[in-house]
Amino acid sequence: MVAKKPAKLSAKDLEEFKQMLLKARAALSGDLSQLEEEAFSQNGNVDASEARPGDSADGYYQEFNLQLLERDEETMAQVLDALDRIENGTYGQCEACEQMINKERLRAVPHARNCIECQRLAERRGH
């Protein structure tokens, strides 16, 4: 049995994905602002002579927020890239094999750059 190739995205599909990406961008923008405020409002330069009980917990919390911030910044970059791909007509095309990505995958991960097969292969290779 030969797998059916996904069809090119219609204008309606592109608008649906664009709206999903715009919502994701708005949500991430709010998350990034909050995480930046929380991560950088902690005093990261505590002198050992000024150490107080709970400082290690504050440091952990700050580190956790910085990790969340980094993850959300990466996702935001992917969302913005996907919006650019909609504008330049390459959205939905796998960057690895150049085949169209299934709509189901794009609905699950609208900023996906690769089809599921190429993504699995890249993850196995550690990329």
PDB file of N, CA and C in Angstrom:
ATOM      1  N   MET A   1       0.840  -1.178   0.000  1.00  0.00           N
ATOM      2  CA  MET A   1       0.000   0.000   0.000  1.00  0.00           C
ATOM      3  C   MET A   1       0.889   1.247   0.000  1.00  0.00           C
ATOM      4  N   VAL A   2       0.638   2.144  -0.906  1.00  0.00           N
ATOM      5  CA  VAL A   2       1.405   3.379  -1.026  1.00  0.00           C
ATOM      6  C   VAL A   2       0.709   4.467  -0.220  1.00  0.00           C
ATOM      7  N   ALA A   3       1.483   5.163   0.597  1.00  0.00           N
ATOM      8  CA  ALA A   3       0.920   6.252   1.390  1.00  0.00           C
ATOM      9  C   ALA A   3       0.533   7.407   0.476  1.00  0.00           C
ATOM     10  N   LYS A   4      -0.638   7.970   0.748  1.00  0.00           N
ATOM     11  CA  LYS A   4      -1.115   9.092  -0.041  1.00  0.00           C
ATOM     12  C   LYS A   4      -0.389  10.360   0.397  1.00  0.00           C
ATOM     13  N   LYS A   5       0.083  11.127  -0.566  1.00  0.00           N
ATOM     14  CA  LYS A   5       0.779  12.376  -0.252  1.00  0.00           C
ATOM     15  C   LYS A   5      -0.246  13.416   0.194  1.00  0.00           C
ATOM     16  N   PRO A   6       0.076  14.172   1.237  1.00  0.00           N
ATOM     17  CA  PRO A   6      -0.835  15.234   1.661  1.00  0.00           C
ATOM     18  C   PRO A   6      -0.979  16.292   0.570  1.00  0.00           C
ATOM     19  N   ALA A   7      -2.196  16.811   0.446  1.00  0.00           N
ATOM     20  CA  ALA A   7      -2.462  17.838  -0.558  1.00  0.00           C
ATOM     21  C   ALA A   7      -1.925  19.189  -0.097  1.00  0.00           C
ATOM     22  N   LYS A   8      -1.686  20.067  -1.061  1.00  0.00           N
ATOM     23  CA  LYS A   8      -1.264  21.436  -0.757  1.00  0.00           C
ATOM     24  C   LYS A   8      -2.372  22.100   0.061  1.00  0.00           C
ATOM     25  N   LEU A   9      -1.998  23.015   0.917  1.00  0.00           N
ATOM     26  CA  LEU A   9      -2.961  23.672   1.794  1.00  0.00           C
ATOM     27  C   LEU A   9      -3.778  24.707   1.020  1.00  0.00           C
ATOM     28  N   SER A  10      -5.078  24.729   1.311  1.00  0.00           N
ATOM     29  CA  SER A  10      -5.959  25.712   0.680  1.00  0.00           C
ATOM     30  C   SER A  10      -5.839  27.051   1.405  1.00  0.00           C
ATOM     31  N   ALA A  11      -6.407  28.087   0.818  1.00  0.00           N
ATOM     32  CA  ALA A  11      -6.405  29.411   1.453  1.00  0.00           C
ATOM     33  C   ALA A  11      -7.132  29.349   2.796  1.00  0.00           C
ATOM     34  N   LYS A  12      -8.198  28.555   2.855  1.00  0.00           N
ATOM     35  CA  LYS A  12      -8.953  28.395   4.109  1.00  0.00           C
ATOM     36  C   LYS A  12      -8.075  27.726   5.169  1.00  0.00           C
ATOM     37  N   ASP A  13      -7.355  26.680   4.765  1.00  0.00           N
ATOM     38  CA  ASP A  13      -6.437  25.999   5.695  1.00  0.00           C
ATOM     39  C   ASP A  13      -5.372  26.966   6.201  1.00  0.00           C
ATOM     40  N   LEU A  14      -4.782  27.713   5.283  1.00  0.00           N
ATOM     41  CA  LEU A  14      -3.730  28.659   5.665  1.00  0.00           C
ATOM     42  C   LEU A  14      -4.253  29.695   6.652  1.00  0.00           C
ATOM     43  N   GLU A  15      -5.470  30.168   6.435  1.00  0.00           N
ATOM     44  CA  GLU A  15      -6.055  31.147   7.362  1.00  0.00           C
ATOM     45  C   GLU A  15      -6.290  30.511   8.733  1.00  0.00           C
ATOM     46  N   GLU A  16      -6.750  29.262   8.742  1.00  0.00           N
ATOM     47  CA  GLU A  16      -6.950  28.547  10.010  1.00  0.00           C
ATOM     48  C   GLU A  16      -5.626  28.440  10.776  1.00  0.00           C
ATOM     49  N   PHE A  17      -4.574  28.034  10.095  1.00  0.00           N
ATOM     50  CA  PHE A  17      -3.275  27.881  10.757  1.00  0.00           C
ATOM     51  C   PHE A  17      -2.697  29.241  11.160  1.00  0.00           C
ATOM     52  N   LYS A  18      -2.924  30.248  10.343  1.00  0.00           N
ATOM     53  CA  LYS A  18      -2.443  31.588  10.684  1.00  0.00           C
ATOM     54  C   LYS A  18      -3.099  32.060  11.978  1.00  0.00           C
ATOM     55  N   GLN A  19      -4.406  31.844  12.105  1.00  0.00           N
ATOM     56  CA  GLN A  19      -5.105  32.249  13.331  1.00  0.00           C
ATOM     57  C   GLN A  19      -4.583  31.477  14.543  1.00  0.00           C
ATOM     58  N   MET A  20      -4.320  30.188  14.366  1.00  0.00           N
ATOM     59  CA  MET A  20      -3.755  29.389  15.464  1.00  0.00           C
ATOM     60  C   MET A  20      -2.396  29.952  15.884  1.00  0.00           C
ATOM     61  N   LEU A  21      -1.581  30.291  14.907  1.00  0.00           N
ATOM     62  CA  LEU A  21      -0.241  30.819  15.189  1.00  0.00           C
ATOM     63  C   LEU A  21      -0.306  32.201  15.833  1.00  0.00           C
ATOM     64  N   LEU A  22      -1.252  33.034  15.392  1.00  0.00           N
ATOM     65  CA  LEU A  22      -1.403  34.361  15.997  1.00  0.00           C
ATOM     66  C   LEU A  22      -1.837  34.249  17.458  1.00  0.00           C
ATOM     67  N   LYS A  23      -2.727  33.296  17.745  1.00  0.00           N
ATOM     68  CA  LYS A  23      -3.141  33.066  19.138  1.00  0.00           C
ATOM     69  C   LYS A  23      -1.962  32.571  19.971  1.00  0.00           C
ATOM     70  N   ALA A  24      -1.180  31.673  19.396  1.00  0.00           N
ATOM     71  CA  ALA A  24       0.001  31.160  20.109  1.00  0.00           C
ATOM     72  C   ALA A  24       0.987  32.291  20.366  1.00  0.00           C
ATOM     73  N   ARG A  25       1.175  33.161  19.373  1.00  0.00           N
ATOM     74  CA  ARG A  25       2.096  34.293  19.535  1.00  0.00           C
ATOM     75  C   ARG A  25       1.634  35.210  20.663  1.00  0.00           C
ATOM     76  N   ALA A  26       0.338  35.490  20.719  1.00  0.00           N
ATOM     77  CA  ALA A  26      -0.189  36.363  21.770  1.00  0.00           C
ATOM     78  C   ALA A  26      -0.015  35.727  23.146  1.00  0.00           C
ATOM     79  N   ALA A  27      -0.315  34.435  23.250  1.00  0.00           N
ATOM     80  CA  ALA A  27      -0.172  33.739  24.534  1.00  0.00           C
ATOM     81  C   ALA A  27       1.288  33.700  24.963  1.00  0.00           C
ATOM     82  N   LEU A  28       2.166  33.381  24.039  1.00  0.00           N
ATOM     83  CA  LEU A  28       3.594  33.323  24.363  1.00  0.00           C
ATOM     84  C   LEU A  28       4.140  34.696  24.743  1.00  0.00           C
ATOM     85  N   SER A  29       3.651  35.725  24.093  1.00  0.00           N
ATOM     86  CA  SER A  29       4.108  37.077  24.403  1.00  0.00           C
ATOM     87  C   SER A  29       3.804  37.417  25.858  1.00  0.00           C
ATOM     88  N   GLY A  30       2.601  37.083  26.308  1.00  0.00           N
ATOM     89  CA  GLY A  30       2.240  37.309  27.705  1.00  0.00           C
ATOM     90  C   GLY A  30       3.065  36.460  28.645  1.00  0.00           C
ATOM     91  N   ASP A  31       3.257  35.194  28.282  1.00  0.00           N
ATOM     92  CA  ASP A  31       4.064  34.290  29.109  1.00  0.00           C
ATOM     93  C   ASP A  31       5.499  34.785  29.217  1.00  0.00           C
ATOM     94  N   LEU A  32       6.063  35.223  28.097  1.00  0.00           N
ATOM     95  CA  LEU A  32       7.449  35.695  28.100  1.00  0.00           C
ATOM     96  C   LEU A  32       7.610  36.921  28.990  1.00  0.00           C
ATOM     97  N   SER A  33       6.664  37.838  28.903  1.00  0.00           N
ATOM     98  CA  SER A  33       6.740  39.043  29.741  1.00  0.00           C
ATOM     99  C   SER A  33       6.707  38.681  31.216  1.00  0.00           C
ATOM    100  N   GLN A  34       5.789  37.784  31.574  1.00  0.00           N
ATOM    101  CA  GLN A  34       5.664  37.378  32.973  1.00  0.00           C
ATOM    102  C   GLN A  34       6.911  36.636  33.447  1.00  0.00           C
ATOM    103  N   LEU A  35       7.407  35.708  32.631  1.00  0.00           N
ATOM    104  CA  LEU A  35       8.599  34.944  33.016  1.00  0.00           C
ATOM    105  C   LEU A  35       9.827  35.842  33.139  1.00  0.00           C
ATOM    106  N   GLU A  36       9.971  36.797  32.221  1.00  0.00           N
ATOM    107  CA  GLU A  36      11.103  37.725  32.311  1.00  0.00           C
ATOM    108  C   GLU A  36      11.035  38.521  33.610  1.00  0.00           C
ATOM    109  N   GLU A  37       9.839  38.991  33.923  1.00  0.00           N
ATOM    110  CA  GLU A  37       9.667  39.771  35.151  1.00  0.00           C
ATOM    111  C   GLU A  37      10.006  38.929  36.376  1.00  0.00           C
ATOM    112  N   GLU A  38       9.497  37.695  36.413  1.00  0.00           N
ATOM    113  CA  GLU A  38       9.749  36.826  37.562  1.00  0.00           C
ATOM    114  C   GLU A  38      11.212  36.401  37.642  1.00  0.00           C
ATOM    115  N   ALA A  39      11.799  36.061  36.505  1.00  0.00           N
ATOM    116  CA  ALA A  39      13.178  35.566  36.509  1.00  0.00           C
ATOM    117  C   ALA A  39      14.164  36.657  36.887  1.00  0.00           C
ATOM    118  N   PHE A  40      13.917  37.858  36.405  1.00  0.00           N
ATOM    119  CA  PHE A  40      14.889  38.920  36.632  1.00  0.00           C
ATOM    120  C   PHE A  40      14.561  39.805  37.827  1.00  0.00           C
ATOM    121  N   SER A  41      13.403  39.573  38.460  1.00  0.00           N
ATOM    122  CA  SER A  41      13.098  40.339  39.664  1.00  0.00           C
ATOM    123  C   SER A  41      13.764  39.715  40.883  1.00  0.00           C
ATOM    124  N   GLN A  42      14.163  38.442  40.749  1.00  0.00           N
ATOM    125  CA  GLN A  42      14.897  37.782  41.826  1.00  0.00           C
ATOM    126  C   GLN A  42      16.287  38.383  41.890  1.00  0.00           C
ATOM    127  N   ASN A  43      16.823  38.542  43.083  1.00  0.00           N
ATOM    128  CA  ASN A  43      18.177  39.072  43.214  1.00  0.00           C
ATOM    129  C   ASN A  43      19.152  37.935  42.993  1.00  0.00           C
ATOM    130  N   GLY A  44      19.721  37.881  41.800  1.00  0.00           N
ATOM    131  CA  GLY A  44      20.641  36.803  41.459  1.00  0.00           C
ATOM    132  C   GLY A  44      22.047  37.029  41.961  1.00  0.00           C
ATOM    133  N   ASN A  45      22.325  38.155  42.575  1.00  0.00           N
ATOM    134  CA  ASN A  45      23.675  38.485  43.022  1.00  0.00           C
ATOM    135  C   ASN A  45      23.753  38.559  44.542  1.00  0.00           C
ATOM    136  N   VAL A  46      23.259  37.546  45.199  1.00  0.00           N
ATOM    137  CA  VAL A  46      23.277  37.536  46.659  1.00  0.00           C
ATOM    138  C   VAL A  46      24.680  37.193  47.134  1.00  0.00           C
ATOM    139  N   ASP A  47      25.249  38.040  47.969  1.00  0.00           N
ATOM    140  CA  ASP A  47      26.567  37.823  48.568  1.00  0.00           C
ATOM    141  C   ASP A  47      26.434  36.714  49.606  1.00  0.00           C
ATOM    142  N   ALA A  48      27.421  35.836  49.691  1.00  0.00           N
ATOM    143  CA  ALA A  48      27.377  34.728  50.651  1.00  0.00           C
ATOM    144  C   ALA A  48      27.192  35.240  52.069  1.00  0.00           C
ATOM    145  N   SER A  49      27.734  36.403  52.397  1.00  0.00           N
ATOM    146  CA  SER A  49      27.593  36.940  53.750  1.00  0.00           C
ATOM    147  C   SER A  49      26.174  37.427  54.017  1.00  0.00           C
ATOM    148  N   GLU A  50      25.387  37.613  52.945  1.00  0.00           N
ATOM    149  CA  GLU A  50      24.010  38.069  53.094  1.00  0.00           C
ATOM    150  C   GLU A  50      23.017  36.925  52.932  1.00  0.00           C
ATOM    151  N   ALA A  51      23.501  35.707  52.830  1.00  0.00           N
ATOM    152  CA  ALA A  51      22.631  34.559  52.589  1.00  0.00           C
ATOM    153  C   ALA A  51      21.599  34.431  53.698  1.00  0.00           C
ATOM    154  N   ARG A  52      20.380  34.104  53.267  1.00  0.00           N
ATOM    155  CA  ARG A  52      19.268  33.927  54.196  1.00  0.00           C
ATOM    156  C   ARG A  52      18.658  32.554  53.951  1.00  0.00           C
ATOM    157  N   PRO A  53      17.972  32.014  54.953  1.00  0.00           N
ATOM    158  CA  PRO A  53      17.242  30.772  54.693  1.00  0.00           C
ATOM    159  C   PRO A  53      16.267  31.017  53.538  1.00  0.00           C
ATOM    160  N   GLY A  54      16.196  30.087  52.642  1.00  0.00           N
ATOM    161  CA  GLY A  54      15.304  30.222  51.493  1.00  0.00           C
ATOM    162  C   GLY A  54      15.988  30.748  50.250  1.00  0.00           C
ATOM    163  N   ASP A  55      17.233  31.245  50.371  1.00  0.00           N
ATOM    164  CA  ASP A  55      17.936  31.751  49.189  1.00  0.00           C
ATOM    165  C   ASP A  55      18.127  30.665  48.139  1.00  0.00           C
ATOM    166  N   SER A  56      18.412  29.438  48.587  1.00  0.00           N
ATOM    167  CA  SER A  56      18.606  28.365  47.607  1.00  0.00           C
ATOM    168  C   SER A  56      17.300  28.068  46.884  1.00  0.00           C
ATOM    169  N   ALA A  57      16.176  28.183  47.592  1.00  0.00           N
ATOM    170  CA  ALA A  57      14.878  27.988  46.948  1.00  0.00           C
ATOM    171  C   ALA A  57      14.628  29.108  45.941  1.00  0.00           C
ATOM    172  N   ASP A  58      15.003  30.339  46.310  1.00  0.00           N
ATOM    173  CA  ASP A  58      14.852  31.458  45.384  1.00  0.00           C
ATOM    174  C   ASP A  58      15.708  31.241  44.138  1.00  0.00           C
ATOM    175  N   GLY A  59      16.929  30.747  44.334  1.00  0.00           N
ATOM    176  CA  GLY A  59      17.811  30.465  43.206  1.00  0.00           C
ATOM    177  C   GLY A  59      17.246  29.389  42.305  1.00  0.00           C
ATOM    178  N   TYR A  60      16.672  28.355  42.917  1.00  0.00           N
ATOM    179  CA  TYR A  60      16.048  27.281  42.137  1.00  0.00           C
ATOM    180  C   TYR A  60      14.884  27.839  41.327  1.00  0.00           C
ATOM    181  N   TYR A  61      14.056  28.652  41.974  1.00  0.00           N
ATOM    182  CA  TYR A  61      12.894  29.239  41.314  1.00  0.00           C
ATOM    183  C   TYR A  61      13.334  30.125  40.145  1.00  0.00           C
ATOM    184  N   GLN A  62      14.383  30.903  40.361  1.00  0.00           N
ATOM    185  CA  GLN A  62      14.899  31.766  39.302  1.00  0.00           C
ATOM    186  C   GLN A  62      15.431  30.923  38.139  1.00  0.00           C
ATOM    187  N   GLU A  63      16.182  29.874  38.441  1.00  0.00           N
ATOM    188  CA  GLU A  63      16.723  28.994  37.400  1.00  0.00           C
ATOM    189  C   GLU A  63      15.593  28.323  36.622  1.00  0.00           C
ATOM    190  N   PHE A  64      14.561  27.883  37.336  1.00  0.00           N
ATOM    191  CA  PHE A  64      13.403  27.258  36.702  1.00  0.00           C
ATOM    192  C   PHE A  64      12.733  28.248  35.747  1.00  0.00           C
ATOM    193  N   ASN A  65      12.531  29.482  36.203  1.00  0.00           N
ATOM    194  CA  ASN A  65      11.921  30.503  35.347  1.00  0.00           C
ATOM    195  C   ASN A  65      12.786  30.808  34.134  1.00  0.00           C
ATOM    196  N   LEU A  66      14.096  30.820  34.312  1.00  0.00           N
ATOM    197  CA  LEU A  66      14.991  31.059  33.176  1.00  0.00           C
ATOM    198  C   LEU A  66      14.894  29.932  32.148  1.00  0.00           C
ATOM    199  N   GLN A  67      14.746  28.693  32.622  1.00  0.00           N
ATOM    200  CA  GLN A  67      14.591  27.563  31.699  1.00  0.00           C
ATOM    201  C   GLN A  67      13.267  27.663  30.942  1.00  0.00           C
ATOM    202  N   LEU A  68      12.197  28.029  31.654  1.00  0.00           N
ATOM    203  CA  LEU A  68      10.903  28.215  30.994  1.00  0.00           C
ATOM    204  C   LEU A  68      10.979  29.351  29.977  1.00  0.00           C
ATOM    205  N   LEU A  69      11.660  30.414  30.343  1.00  0.00           N
ATOM    206  CA  LEU A  69      11.828  31.557  29.456  1.00  0.00           C
ATOM    207  C   LEU A  69      12.557  31.146  28.179  1.00  0.00           C
ATOM    208  N   GLU A  70      13.624  30.382  28.322  1.00  0.00           N
ATOM    209  CA  GLU A  70      14.389  29.915  27.160  1.00  0.00           C
ATOM    210  C   GLU A  70      13.528  29.043  26.252  1.00  0.00           C
ATOM    211  N   ARG A  71      12.760  28.137  26.849  1.00  0.00           N
ATOM    212  CA  ARG A  71      11.886  27.262  26.061  1.00  0.00           C
ATOM    213  C   ARG A  71      10.832  28.075  25.314  1.00  0.00           C
ATOM    214  N   ASP A  72      10.206  29.034  26.022  1.00  0.00           N
ATOM    215  CA  ASP A  72       9.172  29.845  25.388  1.00  0.00           C
ATOM    216  C   ASP A  72       9.749  30.764  24.311  1.00  0.00           C
ATOM    217  N   GLU A  73      10.964  31.265  24.510  1.00  0.00           N
ATOM    218  CA  GLU A  73      11.604  32.088  23.475  1.00  0.00           C
ATOM    219  C   GLU A  73      11.859  31.266  22.216  1.00  0.00           C
ATOM    220  N   GLU A  74      12.267  30.017  22.399  1.00  0.00           N
ATOM    221  CA  GLU A  74      12.497  29.127  21.252  1.00  0.00           C
ATOM    222  C   GLU A  74      11.183  28.854  20.521  1.00  0.00           C
ATOM    223  N   THR A  75      10.122  28.587  21.282  1.00  0.00           N
ATOM    224  CA  THR A  75       8.818  28.342  20.670  1.00  0.00           C
ATOM    225  C   THR A  75       8.327  29.585  19.945  1.00  0.00           C
ATOM    226  N   MET A  76       8.528  30.759  20.552  1.00  0.00           N
ATOM    227  CA  MET A  76       8.114  32.014  19.910  1.00  0.00           C
ATOM    228  C   MET A  76       8.843  32.185  18.580  1.00  0.00           C
ATOM    229  N   ALA A  77      10.127  31.902  18.542  1.00  0.00           N
ATOM    230  CA  ALA A  77      10.890  32.006  17.294  1.00  0.00           C
ATOM    231  C   ALA A  77      10.315  31.063  16.238  1.00  0.00           C
ATOM    232  N   GLN A  78       9.915  29.860  16.652  1.00  0.00           N
ATOM    233  CA  GLN A  78       9.335  28.897  15.718  1.00  0.00           C
ATOM    234  C   GLN A  78       7.977  29.380  15.208  1.00  0.00           C
ATOM    235  N   VAL A  79       7.177  29.974  16.091  1.00  0.00           N
ATOM    236  CA  VAL A  79       5.867  30.508  15.699  1.00  0.00           C
ATOM    237  C   VAL A  79       6.048  31.659  14.708  1.00  0.00           C
ATOM    238  N   LEU A  80       6.967  32.571  15.003  1.00  0.00           N
ATOM    239  CA  LEU A  80       7.216  33.697  14.096  1.00  0.00           C
ATOM    240  C   LEU A  80       7.733  33.211  12.742  1.00  0.00           C
ATOM    241  N   ASP A  81       8.580  32.185  12.769  1.00  0.00           N
ATOM    242  CA  ASP A  81       9.085  31.601  11.526  1.00  0.00           C
ATOM    243  C   ASP A  81       7.936  30.990  10.722  1.00  0.00           C
ATOM    244  N   ALA A  82       7.017  30.314  11.402  1.00  0.00           N
ATOM    245  CA  ALA A  82       5.869  29.712  10.715  1.00  0.00           C
ATOM    246  C   ALA A  82       4.995  30.795  10.083  1.00  0.00           C
ATOM    247  N   LEU A  83       4.794  31.905  10.786  1.00  0.00           N
ATOM    248  CA  LEU A  83       4.024  33.015  10.208  1.00  0.00           C
ATOM    249  C   LEU A  83       4.725  33.571   8.968  1.00  0.00           C
ATOM    250  N   ASP A  84       6.043  33.661   9.010  1.00  0.00           N
ATOM    251  CA  ASP A  84       6.809  34.095   7.830  1.00  0.00           C
ATOM    252  C   ASP A  84       6.628  33.113   6.676  1.00  0.00           C
ATOM    253  N   ARG A  85       6.619  31.816   6.999  1.00  0.00           N
ATOM    254  CA  ARG A  85       6.455  30.803   5.948  1.00  0.00           C
ATOM    255  C   ARG A  85       5.068  30.892   5.317  1.00  0.00           C
ATOM    256  N   ILE A  86       4.050  31.266   6.101  1.00  0.00           N
ATOM    257  CA  ILE A  86       2.717  31.472   5.519  1.00  0.00           C
ATOM    258  C   ILE A  86       2.791  32.614   4.509  1.00  0.00           C
ATOM    259  N   GLU A  87       3.448  33.698   4.893  1.00  0.00           N
ATOM    260  CA  GLU A  87       3.550  34.873   4.017  1.00  0.00           C
ATOM    261  C   GLU A  87       4.346  34.583   2.745  1.00  0.00           C
ATOM    262  N   ASN A  88       5.388  33.757   2.849  1.00  0.00           N
ATOM    263  CA  ASN A  88       6.210  33.513   1.649  1.00  0.00           C
ATOM    264  C   ASN A  88       5.804  32.257   0.879  1.00  0.00           C
ATOM    265  N   GLY A  89       4.723  31.605   1.309  1.00  0.00           N
ATOM    266  CA  GLY A  89       4.173  30.492   0.545  1.00  0.00           C
ATOM    267  C   GLY A  89       4.808  29.136   0.768  1.00  0.00           C
ATOM    268  N   THR A  90       5.622  28.989   1.806  1.00  0.00           N
ATOM    269  CA  THR A  90       6.261  27.690   2.054  1.00  0.00           C
ATOM    270  C   THR A  90       5.715  26.985   3.296  1.00  0.00           C
ATOM    271  N   TYR A  91       4.703  27.558   3.937  1.00  0.00           N
ATOM    272  CA  TYR A  91       4.140  26.941   5.141  1.00  0.00           C
ATOM    273  C   TYR A  91       3.533  25.583   4.788  1.00  0.00           C
ATOM    274  N   GLY A  92       3.789  24.609   5.641  1.00  0.00           N
ATOM    275  CA  GLY A  92       3.238  23.275   5.448  1.00  0.00           C
ATOM    276  C   GLY A  92       4.145  22.350   4.664  1.00  0.00           C
ATOM    277  N   GLN A  93       5.230  22.875   4.152  1.00  0.00           N
ATOM    278  CA  GLN A  93       6.189  22.066   3.400  1.00  0.00           C
ATOM    279  C   GLN A  93       7.316  21.645   4.335  1.00  0.00           C
ATOM    280  N   CYS A  94       7.586  20.348   4.382  1.00  0.00           N
ATOM    281  CA  CYS A  94       8.661  19.818   5.225  1.00  0.00           C
ATOM    282  C   CYS A  94       9.993  20.386   4.753  1.00  0.00           C
ATOM    283  N   GLU A  95      10.764  20.922   5.697  1.00  0.00           N
ATOM    284  CA  GLU A  95      12.061  21.494   5.339  1.00  0.00           C
ATOM    285  C   GLU A  95      13.093  20.426   4.999  1.00  0.00           C
ATOM    286  N   ALA A  96      12.863  19.193   5.443  1.00  0.00           N
ATOM    287  CA  ALA A  96      13.828  18.123   5.187  1.00  0.00           C
ATOM    288  C   ALA A  96      13.576  17.427   3.848  1.00  0.00           C
ATOM    289  N   CYS A  97      12.331  17.004   3.609  1.00  0.00           N
ATOM    290  CA  CYS A  97      12.043  16.229   2.390  1.00  0.00           C
ATOM    291  C   CYS A  97      11.241  17.011   1.349  1.00  0.00           C
ATOM    292  N   GLU A  98      10.791  18.207   1.720  1.00  0.00           N
ATOM    293  CA  GLU A  98      10.040  19.103   0.844  1.00  0.00           C
ATOM    294  C   GLU A  98       8.649  18.600   0.474  1.00  0.00           C
ATOM    295  N   GLN A  99       8.181  17.534   1.129  1.00  0.00           N
ATOM    296  CA  GLN A  99       6.808  17.070   0.938  1.00  0.00           C
ATOM    297  C   GLN A  99       5.893  17.888   1.843  1.00  0.00           C
ATOM    298  N   MET A 100       4.599  17.852   1.576  1.00  0.00           N
ATOM    299  CA  MET A 100       3.646  18.575   2.417  1.00  0.00           C
ATOM    300  C   MET A 100       3.465  17.837   3.748  1.00  0.00           C
ATOM    301  N   ILE A 101       3.358  18.600   4.820  1.00  0.00           N
ATOM    302  CA  ILE A 101       3.123  18.056   6.159  1.00  0.00           C
ATOM    303  C   ILE A 101       1.620  17.821   6.298  1.00  0.00           C
ATOM    304  N   ASN A 102       1.235  16.687   6.892  1.00  0.00           N
ATOM    305  CA  ASN A 102      -0.182  16.384   7.102  1.00  0.00           C
ATOM    306  C   ASN A 102      -0.854  17.471   7.931  1.00  0.00           C
ATOM    307  N   LYS A 103      -2.105  17.782   7.587  1.00  0.00           N
ATOM    308  CA  LYS A 103      -2.864  18.793   8.325  1.00  0.00           C
ATOM    309  C   LYS A 103      -3.012  18.421   9.795  1.00  0.00           C
ATOM    310  N   GLU A 104      -3.161  17.129  10.073  1.00  0.00           N
ATOM    311  CA  GLU A 104      -3.319  16.690  11.460  1.00  0.00           C
ATOM    312  C   GLU A 104      -2.093  17.075  12.290  1.00  0.00           C
ATOM    313  N   ARG A 105      -0.920  16.918  11.713  1.00  0.00           N
ATOM    314  CA  ARG A 105       0.308  17.308  12.416  1.00  0.00           C
ATOM    315  C   ARG A 105       0.339  18.817  12.616  1.00  0.00           C
ATOM    316  N   LEU A 106      -0.027  19.565  11.597  1.00  0.00           N
ATOM    317  CA  LEU A 106      -0.023  21.022  11.714  1.00  0.00           C
ATOM    318  C   LEU A 106      -1.062  21.504  12.724  1.00  0.00           C
ATOM    319  N   ARG A 107      -2.175  20.805  12.822  1.00  0.00           N
ATOM    320  CA  ARG A 107      -3.165  21.182  13.840  1.00  0.00           C
ATOM    321  C   ARG A 107      -2.626  20.918  15.244  1.00  0.00           C
ATOM    322  N   ALA A 108      -1.851  19.863  15.391  1.00  0.00           N
ATOM    323  CA  ALA A 108      -1.263  19.534  16.696  1.00  0.00           C
ATOM    324  C   ALA A 108      -0.083  20.445  17.017  1.00  0.00           C
ATOM    325  N   VAL A 109       0.748  20.715  16.016  1.00  0.00           N
ATOM    326  CA  VAL A 109       1.948  21.555  16.188  1.00  0.00           C
ATOM    327  C   VAL A 109       1.990  22.522  14.999  1.00  0.00           C
ATOM    328  N   PRO A 110       1.253  23.641  15.082  1.00  0.00           N
ATOM    329  CA  PRO A 110       1.165  24.523  13.916  1.00  0.00           C
ATOM    330  C   PRO A 110       2.487  25.143  13.484  1.00  0.00           C
ATOM    331  N   HIS A 111       3.486  25.141  14.357  1.00  0.00           N
ATOM    332  CA  HIS A 111       4.795  25.696  13.977  1.00  0.00           C
ATOM    333  C   HIS A 111       5.770  24.605  13.521  1.00  0.00           C
ATOM    334  N   ALA A 112       5.246  23.394  13.245  1.00  0.00           N
ATOM    335  CA  ALA A 112       6.095  22.278  12.800  1.00  0.00           C
ATOM    336  C   ALA A 112       6.818  22.646  11.506  1.00  0.00           C
ATOM    337  N   ARG A 113       8.099  22.283  11.460  1.00  0.00           N
ATOM    338  CA  ARG A 113       8.910  22.543  10.265  1.00  0.00           C
ATOM    339  C   ARG A 113       9.092  21.283   9.428  1.00  0.00           C
ATOM    340  N   ASN A 114       8.884  20.129  10.046  1.00  0.00           N
ATOM    341  CA  ASN A 114       9.118  18.851   9.372  1.00  0.00           C
ATOM    342  C   ASN A 114       7.894  17.956   9.481  1.00  0.00           C
ATOM    343  N   CYS A 115       7.744  17.080   8.488  1.00  0.00           N
ATOM    344  CA  CYS A 115       6.713  16.056   8.576  1.00  0.00           C
ATOM    345  C   CYS A 115       7.098  15.112   9.718  1.00  0.00           C
ATOM    346  N   ILE A 116       6.171  14.309  10.145  1.00  0.00           N
ATOM    347  CA  ILE A 116       6.415  13.451  11.312  1.00  0.00           C
ATOM    348  C   ILE A 116       7.557  12.472  11.058  1.00  0.00           C
ATOM    349  N   GLU A 117       7.648  11.942   9.838  1.00  0.00           N
ATOM    350  CA  GLU A 117       8.708  10.983   9.537  1.00  0.00           C
ATOM    351  C   GLU A 117      10.087  11.636   9.637  1.00  0.00           C
ATOM    352  N   CYS A 118      10.228  12.805   9.044  1.00  0.00           N
ATOM    353  CA  CYS A 118      11.523  13.501   9.093  1.00  0.00           C
ATOM    354  C   CYS A 118      11.839  13.978  10.504  1.00  0.00           C
ATOM    355  N   GLN A 119      10.817  14.370  11.268  1.00  0.00           N
ATOM    356  CA  GLN A 119      11.041  14.798  12.644  1.00  0.00           C
ATOM    357  C   GLN A 119      11.542  13.631  13.490  1.00  0.00           C
ATOM    358  N   ARG A 120      10.925  12.465  13.315  1.00  0.00           N
ATOM    359  CA  ARG A 120      11.375  11.274  14.061  1.00  0.00           C
ATOM    360  C   ARG A 120      12.826  10.943  13.717  1.00  0.00           C
ATOM    361  N   LEU A 121      13.137  11.007  12.444  1.00  0.00           N
ATOM    362  CA  LEU A 121      14.502  10.722  11.997  1.00  0.00           C
ATOM    363  C   LEU A 121      15.488  11.718  12.611  1.00  0.00           C
ATOM    364  N   ALA A 122      15.133  12.988  12.617  1.00  0.00           N
ATOM    365  CA  ALA A 122      16.003  14.019  13.200  1.00  0.00           C
ATOM    366  C   ALA A 122      16.191  13.791  14.696  1.00  0.00           C
ATOM    367  N   GLU A 123      15.118  13.398  15.393  1.00  0.00           N
ATOM    368  CA  GLU A 123      15.225  13.149  16.832  1.00  0.00           C
ATOM    369  C   GLU A 123      16.104  11.942  17.121  1.00  0.00           C
ATOM    370  N   ARG A 124      16.027  10.926  16.276  1.00  0.00           N
ATOM    371  CA  ARG A 124      16.898   9.756  16.459  1.00  0.00           C
ATOM    372  C   ARG A 124      18.359  10.132  16.278  1.00  0.00           C
ATOM    373  N   ARG A 125      18.610  11.078  15.390  1.00  0.00           N
ATOM    374  CA  ARG A 125      19.982  11.528  15.129  1.00  0.00           C
ATOM    375  C   ARG A 125      20.449  12.548  16.166  1.00  0.00           C
ATOM    376  N   GLY A 126      19.535  12.988  17.012  1.00  0.00           N
ATOM    377  CA  GLY A 126      19.893  13.940  18.052  1.00  0.00           C
ATOM    378  C   GLY A 126      19.848  15.388  17.629  1.00  0.00           C
ATOM    379  N   HIS A 127      19.056  15.724  16.615  1.00  0.00           N
ATOM    380  CA  HIS A 127      18.960  17.118  16.138  1.00  0.00           C
ATOM    381  C   HIS A 127      17.692  17.715  16.632  1.00  0.00           C
TER     382      HIS A 127
END
